Amino acid sequence: MNDSDIPDYVKKAFKDSSYTIISIPAGTALYKLSQYEIVNEKRGGSVSPWWSPVIPFKEDRLGAIGRYQEAQLNGISFEAMVRFASAVRVDWNGLDNYQEIILTKSVDCIWGQFQPQPAYSPIEKGKKVEQMIKNYEAKIRIVEKDHYVPEFLGGIEAYQFWIPNLTKADLKSNNSIPANDPKALAVALGLA
């Protein structure tokens, strides 16, 4: 992978557009929280390129396990902690499920910190009403979950991978459990 292979929108998803091109080995466990399916069968079995490490990796001293423990120590849900740490705008994703995959092969990717984000997408000219509705509906979902969302997300030491062209064939396993089930999360993370 070359720097010229990386789209600008991807570069901007990393803090100060700073990242490293690395290779991660087969057997690496990755996670994310998402409302979407792990494998998108409608798109030929493609898999989201955005992931974080389950166990500490390079500069990420927490992984999913540490992030879960951090949420517990702060008295907030894992979902709320991940939304803040991973800078996921409310109207981008409901973060309903903890998803974990294990890579079957070594992959090239980029690695770096999350770029801080506003809690909601800005209202763009020409899409004002549509974005207002989307932001409002997302805010209602968060209120129903009883989560506090700060005005800005991210800015702490949290890291991500961007793995282009990831497919179902690249995964040894793919598990998904409700993000609002702390007992199941503790079991999945080996903490119970």
C-alpha atoms as a PDB file:
ATOM      1  CA  MET A   1       0.000   0.000   0.000  1.00  0.00           C
ATOM      2  CA  ASN A   2       1.258   3.459  -0.921  1.00  0.00           C
ATOM      3  CA  ASP A   3       0.222   6.823   0.443  1.00  0.00           C
ATOM      4  CA  SER A   4      -1.235   7.624  -2.999  1.00  0.00           C
ATOM      5  CA  ASP A   5      -3.617   4.620  -2.605  1.00  0.00           C
ATOM      6  CA  ILE A   6      -5.311   6.220   0.399  1.00  0.00           C
ATOM      7  CA  PRO A   7      -8.358   8.415  -0.338  1.00  0.00           C
ATOM      8  CA  ASP A   8      -8.402  11.924   1.167  1.00  0.00           C
ATOM      9  CA  TYR A   9     -11.534  11.208   3.236  1.00  0.00           C
ATOM     10  CA  VAL A  10      -9.662   8.336   4.888  1.00  0.00           C
ATOM     11  CA  LYS A  11      -6.629  10.494   5.658  1.00  0.00           C
ATOM     12  CA  LYS A  12      -8.931  13.077   7.262  1.00  0.00           C
ATOM     13  CA  ALA A  13     -10.386  10.394   9.579  1.00  0.00           C
ATOM     14  CA  PHE A  14      -7.030  10.236  11.373  1.00  0.00           C
ATOM     15  CA  LYS A  15      -5.980  12.879  13.892  1.00  0.00           C
ATOM     16  CA  ASP A  16      -4.199  15.681  12.048  1.00  0.00           C
ATOM     17  CA  SER A  17      -4.197  13.376   8.968  1.00  0.00           C
ATOM     18  CA  SER A  18      -1.330  11.524  10.642  1.00  0.00           C
ATOM     19  CA  TYR A  19      -1.111   7.749  10.251  1.00  0.00           C
ATOM     20  CA  THR A  20       1.314   4.918   9.593  1.00  0.00           C
ATOM     21  CA  ILE A  21       1.087   2.259   6.900  1.00  0.00           C
ATOM     22  CA  ILE A  22       1.559  -1.111   8.607  1.00  0.00           C
ATOM     23  CA  SER A  23       0.910  -4.809   8.173  1.00  0.00           C
ATOM     24  CA  ILE A  24      -1.057  -6.706  10.806  1.00  0.00           C
ATOM     25  CA  PRO A  25      -0.707 -10.482  11.096  1.00  0.00           C
ATOM     26  CA  ALA A  26      -3.223 -13.249  10.555  1.00  0.00           C
ATOM     27  CA  GLY A  27      -4.946 -14.149  13.818  1.00  0.00           C
ATOM     28  CA  THR A  28      -5.309 -10.512  14.948  1.00  0.00           C
ATOM     29  CA  ALA A  29      -8.646  -9.892  16.690  1.00  0.00           C
ATOM     30  CA  LEU A  30     -10.383  -6.627  15.779  1.00  0.00           C
ATOM     31  CA  TYR A  31     -13.560  -4.992  17.060  1.00  0.00           C
ATOM     32  CA  LYS A  32     -16.001  -2.196  16.474  1.00  0.00           C
ATOM     33  CA  LEU A  33     -19.458  -1.166  17.640  1.00  0.00           C
ATOM     34  CA  SER A  34     -21.954  -0.816  14.801  1.00  0.00           C
ATOM     35  CA  GLN A  35     -25.624  -0.907  13.891  1.00  0.00           C
ATOM     36  CA  TYR A  36     -24.685  -2.450  10.526  1.00  0.00           C
ATOM     37  CA  GLU A  37     -23.953  -6.101   9.685  1.00  0.00           C
ATOM     38  CA  ILE A  38     -20.309  -7.225   9.730  1.00  0.00           C
ATOM     39  CA  VAL A  39     -20.542  -8.672   6.218  1.00  0.00           C
ATOM     40  CA  ASN A  40     -22.496  -6.729   3.619  1.00  0.00           C
ATOM     41  CA  GLU A  41     -23.882  -9.467   1.377  1.00  0.00           C
ATOM     42  CA  LYS A  42     -25.508  -6.852  -0.887  1.00  0.00           C
ATOM     43  CA  ARG A  43     -22.006  -5.595  -1.695  1.00  0.00           C
ATOM     44  CA  GLY A  44     -20.420  -8.929  -2.537  1.00  0.00           C
ATOM     45  CA  GLY A  45     -19.477  -9.937   0.991  1.00  0.00           C
ATOM     46  CA  SER A  46     -17.523  -6.757   1.704  1.00  0.00           C
ATOM     47  CA  VAL A  47     -16.601  -5.809   5.248  1.00  0.00           C
ATOM     48  CA  SER A  48     -16.174  -2.337   6.729  1.00  0.00           C
ATOM     49  CA  PRO A  49     -12.540  -1.203   6.614  1.00  0.00           C
ATOM     50  CA  TRP A  50     -12.730   0.584  10.016  1.00  0.00           C
ATOM     51  CA  TRP A  51     -11.629  -1.469  13.083  1.00  0.00           C
ATOM     52  CA  SER A  52      -9.766  -1.241  16.405  1.00  0.00           C
ATOM     53  CA  PRO A  53      -7.689  -3.836  18.281  1.00  0.00           C
ATOM     54  CA  VAL A  54      -9.312  -6.150  20.838  1.00  0.00           C
ATOM     55  CA  ILE A  55      -6.105  -6.428  22.866  1.00  0.00           C
ATOM     56  CA  PRO A  56      -3.495  -3.667  23.255  1.00  0.00           C
ATOM     57  CA  PHE A  57      -1.613  -3.050  20.001  1.00  0.00           C
ATOM     58  CA  LYS A  58       1.315  -0.672  19.440  1.00  0.00           C
ATOM     59  CA  GLU A  59       0.358   2.728  20.935  1.00  0.00           C
ATOM     60  CA  ASP A  60      -3.153   1.570  21.873  1.00  0.00           C
ATOM     61  CA  ARG A  61      -2.621   0.428  25.459  1.00  0.00           C
ATOM     62  CA  LEU A  62      -6.282  -0.419  26.032  1.00  0.00           C
ATOM     63  CA  GLY A  63      -7.875  -2.339  23.176  1.00  0.00           C
ATOM     64  CA  ALA A  64     -11.531  -3.326  23.601  1.00  0.00           C
ATOM     65  CA  ILE A  65     -10.799  -4.935  26.960  1.00  0.00           C
ATOM     66  CA  GLY A  66      -9.266  -1.797  28.452  1.00  0.00           C
ATOM     67  CA  ARG A  67     -11.907   0.450  26.890  1.00  0.00           C
ATOM     68  CA  TYR A  68     -14.632  -1.708  28.493  1.00  0.00           C
ATOM     69  CA  GLN A  69     -12.896  -1.484  31.881  1.00  0.00           C
ATOM     70  CA  GLU A  70     -12.497   2.278  31.413  1.00  0.00           C
ATOM     71  CA  ALA A  71     -16.258   2.595  30.840  1.00  0.00           C
ATOM     72  CA  GLN A  72     -16.972   0.542  33.960  1.00  0.00           C
ATOM     73  CA  LEU A  73     -14.622   2.697  36.067  1.00  0.00           C
ATOM     74  CA  ASN A  74     -16.321   5.867  34.805  1.00  0.00           C
ATOM     75  CA  GLY A  75     -19.836   4.521  35.399  1.00  0.00           C
ATOM     76  CA  ILE A  76     -20.906   4.801  31.765  1.00  0.00           C
ATOM     77  CA  SER A  77     -21.909   2.253  29.161  1.00  0.00           C
ATOM     78  CA  PHE A  78     -19.347   0.680  26.861  1.00  0.00           C
ATOM     79  CA  GLU A  79     -21.341   2.090  23.961  1.00  0.00           C
ATOM     80  CA  ALA A  80     -21.050   5.667  25.291  1.00  0.00           C
ATOM     81  CA  MET A  81     -17.315   5.199  25.946  1.00  0.00           C
ATOM     82  CA  VAL A  82     -16.684   3.857  22.436  1.00  0.00           C
ATOM     83  CA  ARG A  83     -18.748   6.651  20.851  1.00  0.00           C
ATOM     84  CA  PHE A  84     -16.591   9.235  22.610  1.00  0.00           C
ATOM     85  CA  ALA A  85     -13.211   7.501  22.169  1.00  0.00           C
ATOM     86  CA  SER A  86     -13.809   6.498  18.545  1.00  0.00           C
ATOM     87  CA  ALA A  87     -15.364   9.876  17.642  1.00  0.00           C
ATOM     88  CA  VAL A  88     -18.471   8.361  16.013  1.00  0.00           C
ATOM     89  CA  ARG A  89     -21.032  11.067  15.266  1.00  0.00           C
ATOM     90  CA  VAL A  90     -24.486  10.211  16.587  1.00  0.00           C
ATOM     91  CA  ASP A  91     -26.096  10.393  13.145  1.00  0.00           C
ATOM     92  CA  TRP A  92     -23.440   8.119  11.589  1.00  0.00           C
ATOM     93  CA  ASN A  93     -24.067   4.947  13.549  1.00  0.00           C
ATOM     94  CA  GLY A  94     -26.219   3.670  16.429  1.00  0.00           C
ATOM     95  CA  LEU A  95     -23.352   1.470  17.773  1.00  0.00           C
ATOM     96  CA  ASP A  96     -25.897  -1.197  18.730  1.00  0.00           C
ATOM     97  CA  ASN A  97     -23.659  -4.268  18.503  1.00  0.00           C
ATOM     98  CA  TYR A  98     -20.185  -5.253  19.648  1.00  0.00           C
ATOM     99  CA  GLN A  99     -18.606  -6.911  16.613  1.00  0.00           C
ATOM    100  CA  GLU A 100     -15.398  -8.911  16.615  1.00  0.00           C
ATOM    101  CA  ILE A 101     -13.486 -10.507  13.773  1.00  0.00           C
ATOM    102  CA  ILE A 102     -10.252 -12.477  13.499  1.00  0.00           C
ATOM    103  CA  LEU A 103      -8.133 -12.051  10.384  1.00  0.00           C
ATOM    104  CA  THR A 104      -7.248 -15.181   8.384  1.00  0.00           C
ATOM    105  CA  LYS A 105      -4.335 -13.502   6.630  1.00  0.00           C
ATOM    106  CA  SER A 106      -1.861 -10.701   7.096  1.00  0.00           C
ATOM    107  CA  VAL A 107      -3.232  -7.398   5.785  1.00  0.00           C
ATOM    108  CA  ASP A 108      -1.773  -4.015   4.936  1.00  0.00           C
ATOM    109  CA  CYS A 109      -3.595  -1.101   6.464  1.00  0.00           C
ATOM    110  CA  ILE A 110      -3.172   2.321   7.957  1.00  0.00           C
ATOM    111  CA  TRP A 111      -3.029   2.911  11.690  1.00  0.00           C
ATOM    112  CA  GLY A 112      -3.477   6.040  13.760  1.00  0.00           C
ATOM    113  CA  GLN A 113      -5.583   8.011  16.213  1.00  0.00           C
ATOM    114  CA  PHE A 114      -9.199   8.951  15.595  1.00  0.00           C
ATOM    115  CA  GLN A 115      -9.798  12.489  14.359  1.00  0.00           C
ATOM    116  CA  PRO A 116     -12.053  14.354  16.838  1.00  0.00           C
ATOM    117  CA  GLN A 117     -15.550  15.016  15.499  1.00  0.00           C
ATOM    118  CA  PRO A 118     -18.590  17.104  16.409  1.00  0.00           C
ATOM    119  CA  ALA A 119     -21.346  15.006  18.012  1.00  0.00           C
ATOM    120  CA  TYR A 120     -23.621  15.562  14.994  1.00  0.00           C
ATOM    121  CA  SER A 121     -22.945  16.131  11.307  1.00  0.00           C
ATOM    122  CA  PRO A 122     -23.164  19.756  10.247  1.00  0.00           C
ATOM    123  CA  ILE A 123     -26.186  20.797   8.280  1.00  0.00           C
ATOM    124  CA  GLU A 124     -25.037  21.135   4.687  1.00  0.00           C
ATOM    125  CA  LYS A 125     -26.436  23.668   2.256  1.00  0.00           C
ATOM    126  CA  GLY A 126     -29.034  21.980   0.064  1.00  0.00           C
ATOM    127  CA  LYS A 127     -29.546  19.138   2.524  1.00  0.00           C
ATOM    128  CA  LYS A 128     -30.592  21.232   5.477  1.00  0.00           C
ATOM    129  CA  VAL A 129     -33.990  19.643   6.204  1.00  0.00           C
ATOM    130  CA  GLU A 130     -32.765  16.093   5.531  1.00  0.00           C
ATOM    131  CA  GLN A 131     -29.755  16.508   7.872  1.00  0.00           C
ATOM    132  CA  MET A 132     -31.851  18.214  10.560  1.00  0.00           C
ATOM    133  CA  ILE A 133     -34.241  15.226  10.562  1.00  0.00           C
ATOM    134  CA  LYS A 134     -31.359  12.737  10.644  1.00  0.00           C
ATOM    135  CA  ASN A 135     -29.679  14.575  13.551  1.00  0.00           C
ATOM    136  CA  TYR A 136     -32.967  14.868  15.436  1.00  0.00           C
ATOM    137  CA  GLU A 137     -33.773  11.158  15.024  1.00  0.00           C
ATOM    138  CA  ALA A 138     -30.241  10.224  16.115  1.00  0.00           C
ATOM    139  CA  LYS A 139     -30.529  12.496  19.173  1.00  0.00           C
ATOM    140  CA  ILE A 140     -33.838  10.859  20.147  1.00  0.00           C
ATOM    141  CA  ARG A 141     -32.198   7.395  19.939  1.00  0.00           C
ATOM    142  CA  ILE A 142     -29.418   8.574  22.274  1.00  0.00           C
ATOM    143  CA  VAL A 143     -31.897  10.123  24.742  1.00  0.00           C
ATOM    144  CA  GLU A 144     -33.839   6.834  24.769  1.00  0.00           C
ATOM    145  CA  LYS A 145     -30.606   4.997  25.616  1.00  0.00           C
ATOM    146  CA  ASP A 146     -30.026   7.532  28.430  1.00  0.00           C
ATOM    147  CA  HIS A 147     -26.553   8.443  27.160  1.00  0.00           C
ATOM    148  CA  TYR A 148     -24.876  11.775  27.567  1.00  0.00           C
ATOM    149  CA  VAL A 149     -23.077  12.894  24.418  1.00  0.00           C
ATOM    150  CA  PRO A 150     -20.604  15.777  24.676  1.00  0.00           C
ATOM    151  CA  GLU A 151     -20.497  18.465  21.986  1.00  0.00           C
ATOM    152  CA  PHE A 152     -17.216  17.071  20.617  1.00  0.00           C
ATOM    153  CA  LEU A 153     -16.114  13.447  20.440  1.00  0.00           C
ATOM    154  CA  GLY A 154     -12.598  12.037  20.539  1.00  0.00           C
ATOM    155  CA  GLY A 155      -9.353  13.715  21.335  1.00  0.00           C
ATOM    156  CA  ILE A 156      -8.166  10.968  23.673  1.00  0.00           C
ATOM    157  CA  GLU A 157      -5.650   8.260  22.896  1.00  0.00           C
ATOM    158  CA  ALA A 158      -7.806   5.910  20.855  1.00  0.00           C
ATOM    159  CA  TYR A 159      -6.583   4.209  17.690  1.00  0.00           C
ATOM    160  CA  GLN A 160      -8.050   2.681  14.553  1.00  0.00           C
ATOM    161  CA  PHE A 161      -7.160   0.613  11.532  1.00  0.00           C
ATOM    162  CA  TRP A 162      -8.347   1.299   8.003  1.00  0.00           C
ATOM    163  CA  ILE A 163      -8.112  -1.983   6.103  1.00  0.00           C
ATOM    164  CA  PRO A 164      -9.157  -1.575   2.456  1.00  0.00           C
ATOM    165  CA  ASN A 165     -10.795  -4.393   0.480  1.00  0.00           C
ATOM    166  CA  LEU A 166     -11.592  -6.536   3.513  1.00  0.00           C
ATOM    167  CA  THR A 167     -13.998  -9.383   2.620  1.00  0.00           C
ATOM    168  CA  LYS A 168     -15.804 -12.255   4.300  1.00  0.00           C
ATOM    169  CA  ALA A 169     -13.038 -14.610   3.094  1.00  0.00           C
ATOM    170  CA  ASP A 170     -10.506 -12.649   5.199  1.00  0.00           C
ATOM    171  CA  LEU A 171     -12.335 -13.454   8.459  1.00  0.00           C
ATOM    172  CA  LYS A 172     -11.853 -16.531  10.626  1.00  0.00           C
ATOM    173  CA  SER A 173     -14.832 -15.669  12.779  1.00  0.00           C
ATOM    174  CA  ASN A 174     -17.263 -12.857  13.098  1.00  0.00           C
ATOM    175  CA  ASN A 175     -19.200 -12.445  16.314  1.00  0.00           C
ATOM    176  CA  SER A 176     -21.815  -9.859  17.158  1.00  0.00           C
ATOM    177  CA  ILE A 177     -23.533  -9.271  20.514  1.00  0.00           C
ATOM    178  CA  PRO A 178     -25.721  -6.412  21.784  1.00  0.00           C
ATOM    179  CA  ALA A 179     -23.576  -3.511  22.969  1.00  0.00           C
ATOM    180  CA  ASN A 180     -26.023  -2.793  25.795  1.00  0.00           C
ATOM    181  CA  ASP A 181     -25.495  -6.199  27.467  1.00  0.00           C
ATOM    182  CA  PRO A 182     -22.628  -5.693  29.956  1.00  0.00           C
ATOM    183  CA  LYS A 183     -22.650  -9.331  31.107  1.00  0.00           C
ATOM    184  CA  ALA A 184     -22.328 -10.683  27.558  1.00  0.00           C
ATOM    185  CA  LEU A 185     -19.637  -8.106  26.801  1.00  0.00           C
ATOM    186  CA  ALA A 186     -17.662  -9.111  29.889  1.00  0.00           C
ATOM    187  CA  VAL A 187     -17.848 -12.778  28.808  1.00  0.00           C
ATOM    188  CA  ALA A 188     -16.866 -11.963  25.215  1.00  0.00           C
ATOM    189  CA  LEU A 189     -13.865  -9.951  26.447  1.00  0.00           C
ATOM    190  CA  GLY A 190     -12.778 -12.693  28.857  1.00  0.00           C
ATOM    191  CA  LEU A 191     -13.517 -10.580  31.937  1.00  0.00           C
ATOM    192  CA  ALA A 192     -16.200 -12.827  33.493  1.00  0.00           C
END
